[in-house]
Amino acid sequence: MVTVRLHYQDKTLTGIESRGHACFSYRGNDVVCAAVSVLMQALILGLEEVAEVQGLSVESDRRVPVIRVMWPVSEQEKISLLTETTALSLKQIAQENPKYVKISTEEISNDQKV
């Protein structure tokens, strides 16, 4: 199962993490996993190349697999359309595929902020 965690600070989205494999189909043919991966990669490209977000943190590990993207609250105004659309899209995938994708939220305290 893919678990997606939406990170919030003061009710503002500040990060998204996807972890695991959907197991919808065989590796390489898993459209649910591919959908989540494409959204996460598009988010990273948009934040890095289009919005040029300062203080962006991107971590990935194909062995797990995990992709974790975090950004400062201060950048949210210029990137909210991208980040909120990504979160909404991931929620839609989870709603349509509840056996394969789970969404959770985490409130980050001020001492944990990026």
Protein backbone atom coordinates (compact mmCIF):
# COMPACT_ATOMS: atom_id res chain seq x y z
CA MET A 1 0.00 0.00 0.00
CA VAL A 2 1.14 3.54 -0.73
CA THR A 3 0.81 5.80 2.26
CA VAL A 4 0.69 9.51 1.57
CA ARG A 5 1.25 11.89 4.45
CA LEU A 6 0.26 15.54 4.10
CA HIS A 7 2.32 17.72 6.43
CA TYR A 8 0.75 20.89 7.82
CA GLN A 9 2.11 23.74 9.91
CA ASP A 10 -0.44 26.15 11.35
CA LYS A 11 -3.07 24.63 8.99
CA THR A 12 -0.85 25.39 5.98
CA LEU A 13 0.34 22.54 3.73
CA THR A 14 4.14 22.41 4.00
CA GLY A 15 5.01 18.98 2.65
CA ILE A 16 3.92 15.73 1.06
CA GLU A 17 5.44 12.29 1.53
CA SER A 18 4.60 9.11 -0.38
CA ARG A 19 5.89 5.79 0.88
CA GLY A 20 5.53 2.21 -0.26
CA HIS A 21 4.20 0.35 -3.28
CA ALA A 22 0.51 0.09 -4.16
CA CYS A 23 0.61 -3.60 -5.20
CA PHE A 24 -2.30 -2.92 -7.57
CA SER A 25 -0.47 -4.88 -10.26
CA TYR A 26 2.95 -6.28 -11.03
CA ARG A 27 5.96 -3.99 -10.70
CA GLY A 28 6.23 -1.93 -13.87
CA ASN A 29 2.51 -2.33 -14.63
CA ASP A 30 1.07 -0.73 -11.50
CA VAL A 31 -0.99 2.26 -12.69
CA VAL A 32 -1.90 3.31 -9.14
CA CYS A 33 1.76 3.50 -8.13
CA ALA A 34 2.58 5.26 -11.37
CA ALA A 35 -0.13 7.88 -10.77
CA VAL A 36 1.21 8.71 -7.31
CA SER A 37 4.80 8.79 -8.58
CA VAL A 38 3.95 11.06 -11.51
CA LEU A 39 2.18 13.52 -9.22
CA MET A 40 5.11 13.59 -6.81
CA GLN A 41 7.65 14.05 -9.62
CA ALA A 42 5.55 16.82 -11.19
CA LEU A 43 5.34 18.52 -7.78
CA ILE A 44 9.12 18.41 -7.40
CA LEU A 45 9.71 19.77 -10.91
CA GLY A 46 7.17 22.53 -10.41
CA LEU A 47 8.64 23.58 -7.08
CA GLU A 48 12.27 23.41 -8.23
CA GLU A 49 12.14 24.55 -11.85
CA VAL A 50 9.03 26.71 -12.17
CA ALA A 51 8.49 28.27 -8.74
CA GLU A 52 12.20 28.12 -7.78
CA VAL A 53 11.27 27.56 -4.13
CA GLN A 54 13.94 28.56 -1.63
CA GLY A 55 14.44 26.14 1.26
CA LEU A 56 12.94 23.17 -0.57
CA SER A 57 13.80 19.75 0.87
CA VAL A 58 13.51 16.67 -1.36
CA GLU A 59 14.37 13.18 -0.14
CA SER A 60 13.90 9.91 -2.00
CA ASP A 61 14.90 6.29 -1.69
CA ARG A 62 13.90 3.80 -4.39
CA ARG A 63 14.58 0.85 -2.09
CA VAL A 64 11.69 1.79 0.24
CA PRO A 65 10.27 3.52 -2.03
CA VAL A 66 9.75 6.96 -0.52
CA ILE A 67 9.56 10.52 -1.83
CA ARG A 68 9.38 13.33 0.73
CA VAL A 69 9.01 16.97 -0.32
CA MET A 70 8.94 19.78 2.24
CA TRP A 71 8.82 23.56 1.75
CA PRO A 72 8.78 26.58 4.05
CA VAL A 73 5.47 28.19 5.03
CA SER A 74 6.86 31.45 3.68
CA GLU A 75 6.75 30.04 0.12
CA GLN A 76 3.15 28.79 0.32
CA GLU A 77 1.50 31.86 -1.18
CA LYS A 78 3.31 31.52 -4.50
CA ILE A 79 3.04 27.71 -4.67
CA SER A 80 -0.36 26.97 -3.15
CA LEU A 81 -2.05 26.31 -6.49
CA LEU A 82 0.53 23.61 -7.29
CA THR A 83 0.72 22.06 -3.82
CA GLU A 84 -3.00 22.04 -3.11
CA THR A 85 -3.77 20.59 -6.56
CA THR A 86 -1.24 17.82 -5.96
CA ALA A 87 -2.75 17.06 -2.54
CA LEU A 88 -6.27 17.05 -3.98
CA SER A 89 -5.19 14.74 -6.81
CA LEU A 90 -3.57 12.32 -4.36
CA LYS A 91 -6.73 12.33 -2.23
CA GLN A 92 -8.78 11.50 -5.33
CA ILE A 93 -6.51 8.56 -6.17
CA ALA A 94 -6.85 7.31 -2.58
CA GLN A 95 -10.63 7.69 -2.68
CA GLU A 96 -10.85 5.67 -5.89
CA ASN A 97 -8.32 3.05 -4.71
CA PRO A 98 -8.74 2.67 -0.93
CA LYS A 99 -7.13 -0.80 -0.89
CA TYR A 100 -3.95 0.60 -2.43
CA VAL A 101 -3.50 4.22 -1.26
CA LYS A 102 -4.03 5.72 2.20
CA ILE A 103 -3.89 9.44 3.03
CA SER A 104 -3.02 10.78 6.46
CA THR A 105 -2.20 14.21 7.82
CA GLU A 106 0.39 15.38 10.30
CA GLU A 107 0.58 18.73 12.04
CA ILE A 108 4.21 19.82 12.33
CA SER A 109 5.10 21.84 15.39
CA ASN A 110 7.08 25.07 15.08
CA ASP A 111 10.27 23.39 16.31
CA GLN A 112 10.02 20.81 13.46
CA LYS A 113 9.49 23.32 10.67
CA VAL A 114 11.68 23.43 7.58
